Amino acid sequence: MYNGKSKVKVCKFTENKDFDFNYKDEKKWRRYVTDRGKIIPRRMTGTCAKYQRKLTTAVKQARYMALLPFTSEAVK
């Protein structure tokens, strides 16, 4: 039963002000992409809107440079 209290999600990027949004570090971005290749929304990760936009741009740049896949492996 829902009691009205939910866990407050804190933006990891706001806590760490010196975070670098470099698309070349694919290990950073793997945790924000599902196994199907979709970017996880901010309501699930807890990132604020400002850093979600930067995260999305970095993931898209990494995809374009073939560091991250656009989609998952061939689904059978």
N, C-alpha and C. Protein backbone atom coordinates (compact mmCIF):
# COMPACT_ATOMS: atom_id res chain seq x y z
N MET A 1 0.84 -1.18 0.00
CA MET A 1 0.00 0.00 0.00
C MET A 1 0.88 1.24 0.00
N TYR A 2 0.54 2.21 -0.78
CA TYR A 2 1.30 3.45 -0.91
C TYR A 2 0.97 4.36 0.26
N ASN A 3 2.02 4.80 0.98
CA ASN A 3 1.79 5.64 2.15
C ASN A 3 2.11 7.11 1.89
N GLY A 4 2.40 7.49 0.65
CA GLY A 4 2.64 8.89 0.32
C GLY A 4 4.08 9.33 0.45
N LYS A 5 4.92 8.49 1.02
CA LYS A 5 6.32 8.85 1.17
C LYS A 5 7.15 8.03 0.19
N SER A 6 7.93 8.70 -0.61
CA SER A 6 8.79 8.00 -1.54
C SER A 6 10.23 8.44 -1.30
N LYS A 7 11.15 7.64 -1.75
CA LYS A 7 12.56 7.93 -1.56
C LYS A 7 12.95 9.12 -2.44
N VAL A 8 13.62 10.08 -1.86
CA VAL A 8 14.04 11.26 -2.59
C VAL A 8 15.29 10.91 -3.39
N LYS A 9 15.25 11.13 -4.68
CA LYS A 9 16.39 10.86 -5.54
C LYS A 9 17.22 12.12 -5.67
N VAL A 10 18.51 11.97 -5.52
CA VAL A 10 19.41 13.11 -5.57
C VAL A 10 20.22 13.04 -6.85
N CYS A 11 20.38 14.18 -7.50
CA CYS A 11 21.15 14.25 -8.73
C CYS A 11 22.63 14.05 -8.41
N LYS A 12 23.23 13.03 -8.99
CA LYS A 12 24.64 12.75 -8.75
C LYS A 12 25.54 13.81 -9.37
N PHE A 13 25.08 14.44 -10.42
CA PHE A 13 25.88 15.46 -11.09
C PHE A 13 25.86 16.77 -10.32
N THR A 14 24.76 17.07 -9.63
CA THR A 14 24.69 18.28 -8.82
C THR A 14 25.62 18.15 -7.62
N GLU A 15 25.69 16.95 -7.03
CA GLU A 15 26.58 16.72 -5.90
C GLU A 15 28.04 16.86 -6.31
N ASN A 16 28.37 16.37 -7.50
CA ASN A 16 29.74 16.39 -7.99
C ASN A 16 29.86 17.49 -9.06
N LYS A 17 30.16 18.70 -8.64
CA LYS A 17 30.17 19.86 -9.54
C LYS A 17 31.24 19.76 -10.63
N ASP A 18 32.34 19.07 -10.37
CA ASP A 18 33.44 19.00 -11.33
C ASP A 18 33.29 17.83 -12.30
N PHE A 19 32.09 17.30 -12.46
CA PHE A 19 31.85 16.17 -13.34
C PHE A 19 32.04 16.60 -14.79
N ASP A 20 32.73 15.78 -15.56
CA ASP A 20 33.01 16.09 -16.95
C ASP A 20 32.08 15.29 -17.86
N PHE A 21 31.35 15.96 -18.72
CA PHE A 21 30.43 15.31 -19.64
C PHE A 21 31.13 15.02 -20.95
N ASN A 22 32.18 14.24 -20.90
CA ASN A 22 32.94 13.88 -22.09
C ASN A 22 32.34 12.60 -22.67
N TYR A 23 31.97 12.64 -23.92
CA TYR A 23 31.33 11.48 -24.55
C TYR A 23 32.28 10.31 -24.73
N LYS A 24 33.59 10.54 -24.64
CA LYS A 24 34.57 9.49 -24.91
C LYS A 24 34.65 8.44 -23.81
N ASP A 25 34.19 8.75 -22.61
CA ASP A 25 34.23 7.80 -21.50
C ASP A 25 32.94 6.98 -21.50
N GLU A 26 32.95 5.90 -22.26
CA GLU A 26 31.72 5.12 -22.45
C GLU A 26 31.28 4.39 -21.19
N LYS A 27 32.20 4.09 -20.29
CA LYS A 27 31.83 3.38 -19.06
C LYS A 27 30.91 4.21 -18.18
N LYS A 28 31.07 5.53 -18.20
CA LYS A 28 30.19 6.42 -17.45
C LYS A 28 28.76 6.34 -17.97
N TRP A 29 28.64 6.28 -19.28
CA TRP A 29 27.32 6.40 -19.90
C TRP A 29 26.57 5.08 -19.97
N ARG A 30 27.26 3.96 -19.79
CA ARG A 30 26.60 2.65 -19.85
C ARG A 30 25.51 2.51 -18.79
N ARG A 31 25.70 3.12 -17.63
CA ARG A 31 24.71 2.97 -16.56
C ARG A 31 23.45 3.79 -16.82
N TYR A 32 23.49 4.72 -17.75
CA TYR A 32 22.33 5.54 -18.08
C TYR A 32 21.64 5.09 -19.36
N VAL A 33 22.02 3.91 -19.86
CA VAL A 33 21.43 3.35 -21.06
C VAL A 33 20.96 1.93 -20.73
N THR A 34 19.76 1.58 -21.17
CA THR A 34 19.25 0.23 -20.91
C THR A 34 19.95 -0.78 -21.81
N ASP A 35 19.68 -2.05 -21.56
CA ASP A 35 20.27 -3.10 -22.39
C ASP A 35 19.74 -3.06 -23.82
N ARG A 36 18.61 -2.41 -24.02
CA ARG A 36 18.05 -2.23 -25.36
C ARG A 36 18.62 -1.01 -26.07
N GLY A 37 19.36 -0.17 -25.36
CA GLY A 37 19.97 1.00 -25.96
C GLY A 37 19.22 2.29 -25.73
N LYS A 38 18.17 2.26 -24.90
CA LYS A 38 17.40 3.47 -24.62
C LYS A 38 18.02 4.24 -23.47
N ILE A 39 17.94 5.55 -23.53
CA ILE A 39 18.42 6.40 -22.44
C ILE A 39 17.40 6.36 -21.31
N ILE A 40 17.86 6.11 -20.10
CA ILE A 40 16.96 6.01 -18.95
C ILE A 40 16.46 7.41 -18.58
N PRO A 41 15.15 7.58 -18.36
CA PRO A 41 14.59 8.90 -18.07
C PRO A 41 15.01 9.43 -16.70
N ARG A 42 14.87 10.72 -16.51
CA ARG A 42 15.32 11.35 -15.27
C ARG A 42 14.46 10.97 -14.07
N ARG A 43 13.22 10.58 -14.27
CA ARG A 43 12.40 10.17 -13.13
C ARG A 43 12.91 8.86 -12.53
N MET A 44 13.67 8.10 -13.31
CA MET A 44 14.23 6.85 -12.80
C MET A 44 15.65 7.03 -12.27
N THR A 45 16.44 7.89 -12.89
CA THR A 45 17.82 8.08 -12.46
C THR A 45 17.95 9.12 -11.37
N GLY A 46 17.02 10.09 -11.33
CA GLY A 46 17.08 11.12 -10.32
C GLY A 46 17.90 12.33 -10.72
N THR A 47 18.34 12.40 -11.96
CA THR A 47 19.12 13.56 -12.39
C THR A 47 18.20 14.75 -12.61
N CYS A 48 18.74 15.95 -12.42
CA CYS A 48 17.94 17.15 -12.64
C CYS A 48 17.89 17.43 -14.14
N ALA A 49 17.00 18.32 -14.54
CA ALA A 49 16.75 18.58 -15.96
C ALA A 49 18.00 19.10 -16.68
N LYS A 50 18.74 19.97 -16.02
CA LYS A 50 19.94 20.56 -16.63
C LYS A 50 20.95 19.48 -17.00
N TYR A 51 21.21 18.57 -16.07
CA TYR A 51 22.22 17.55 -16.32
C TYR A 51 21.68 16.39 -17.15
N GLN A 52 20.36 16.19 -17.15
CA GLN A 52 19.79 15.17 -18.03
C GLN A 52 19.97 15.56 -19.49
N ARG A 53 19.86 16.86 -19.79
CA ARG A 53 20.09 17.33 -21.16
C ARG A 53 21.54 17.11 -21.56
N LYS A 54 22.47 17.40 -20.67
CA LYS A 54 23.89 17.18 -20.96
C LYS A 54 24.19 15.69 -21.11
N LEU A 55 23.58 14.88 -20.26
CA LEU A 55 23.77 13.43 -20.32
C LEU A 55 23.26 12.88 -21.65
N THR A 56 22.09 13.33 -22.07
CA THR A 56 21.51 12.88 -23.32
C THR A 56 22.39 13.25 -24.51
N THR A 57 22.92 14.47 -24.49
CA THR A 57 23.81 14.91 -25.56
C THR A 57 25.07 14.06 -25.61
N ALA A 58 25.64 13.76 -24.44
CA ALA A 58 26.87 12.96 -24.38
C ALA A 58 26.62 11.53 -24.87
N VAL A 59 25.48 10.95 -24.50
CA VAL A 59 25.16 9.59 -24.95
C VAL A 59 24.95 9.57 -26.46
N LYS A 60 24.27 10.58 -26.99
CA LYS A 60 24.04 10.64 -28.43
C LYS A 60 25.34 10.84 -29.20
N GLN A 61 26.26 11.63 -28.65
CA GLN A 61 27.56 11.80 -29.28
C GLN A 61 28.35 10.49 -29.25
N ALA A 62 28.27 9.77 -28.14
CA ALA A 62 28.97 8.48 -28.03
C ALA A 62 28.39 7.47 -29.01
N ARG A 63 27.07 7.51 -29.21
CA ARG A 63 26.45 6.63 -30.20
C ARG A 63 26.95 6.97 -31.61
N TYR A 64 26.98 8.26 -31.92
CA TYR A 64 27.39 8.69 -33.25
C TYR A 64 28.84 8.30 -33.53
N MET A 65 29.68 8.34 -32.51
CA MET A 65 31.09 7.97 -32.67
C MET A 65 31.31 6.46 -32.52
N ALA A 66 30.23 5.70 -32.41
CA ALA A 66 30.23 4.23 -32.32
C ALA A 66 30.88 3.71 -31.04
N LEU A 67 30.80 4.49 -29.96
CA LEU A 67 31.27 4.02 -28.67
C LEU A 67 30.16 3.29 -27.91
N LEU A 68 28.93 3.71 -28.16
CA LEU A 68 27.76 3.05 -27.59
C LEU A 68 26.86 2.60 -28.74
N PRO A 69 26.14 1.49 -28.56
CA PRO A 69 25.25 1.04 -29.64
C PRO A 69 23.93 1.84 -29.66
N PHE A 70 23.37 1.98 -30.85
CA PHE A 70 22.06 2.61 -30.98
C PHE A 70 20.98 1.69 -30.45
N THR A 71 21.11 0.41 -30.73
CA THR A 71 20.17 -0.59 -30.27
C THR A 71 20.93 -1.79 -29.70
N SER A 72 20.18 -2.72 -29.15
CA SER A 72 20.82 -3.92 -28.60
C SER A 72 21.22 -4.88 -29.73
N GLU A 73 21.75 -5.98 -29.34
CA GLU A 73 22.10 -7.01 -30.32
C GLU A 73 20.82 -7.48 -31.03
N ALA A 74 20.97 -8.25 -32.05
CA ALA A 74 19.82 -8.74 -32.82
C ALA A 74 18.87 -9.51 -31.90
N VAL A 75 17.63 -9.05 -31.83
CA VAL A 75 16.63 -9.69 -30.99
C VAL A 75 15.97 -10.81 -31.79
N LYS A 76 15.93 -11.99 -31.20
CA LYS A 76 15.36 -13.14 -31.91
C LYS A 76 14.01 -13.49 -31.36
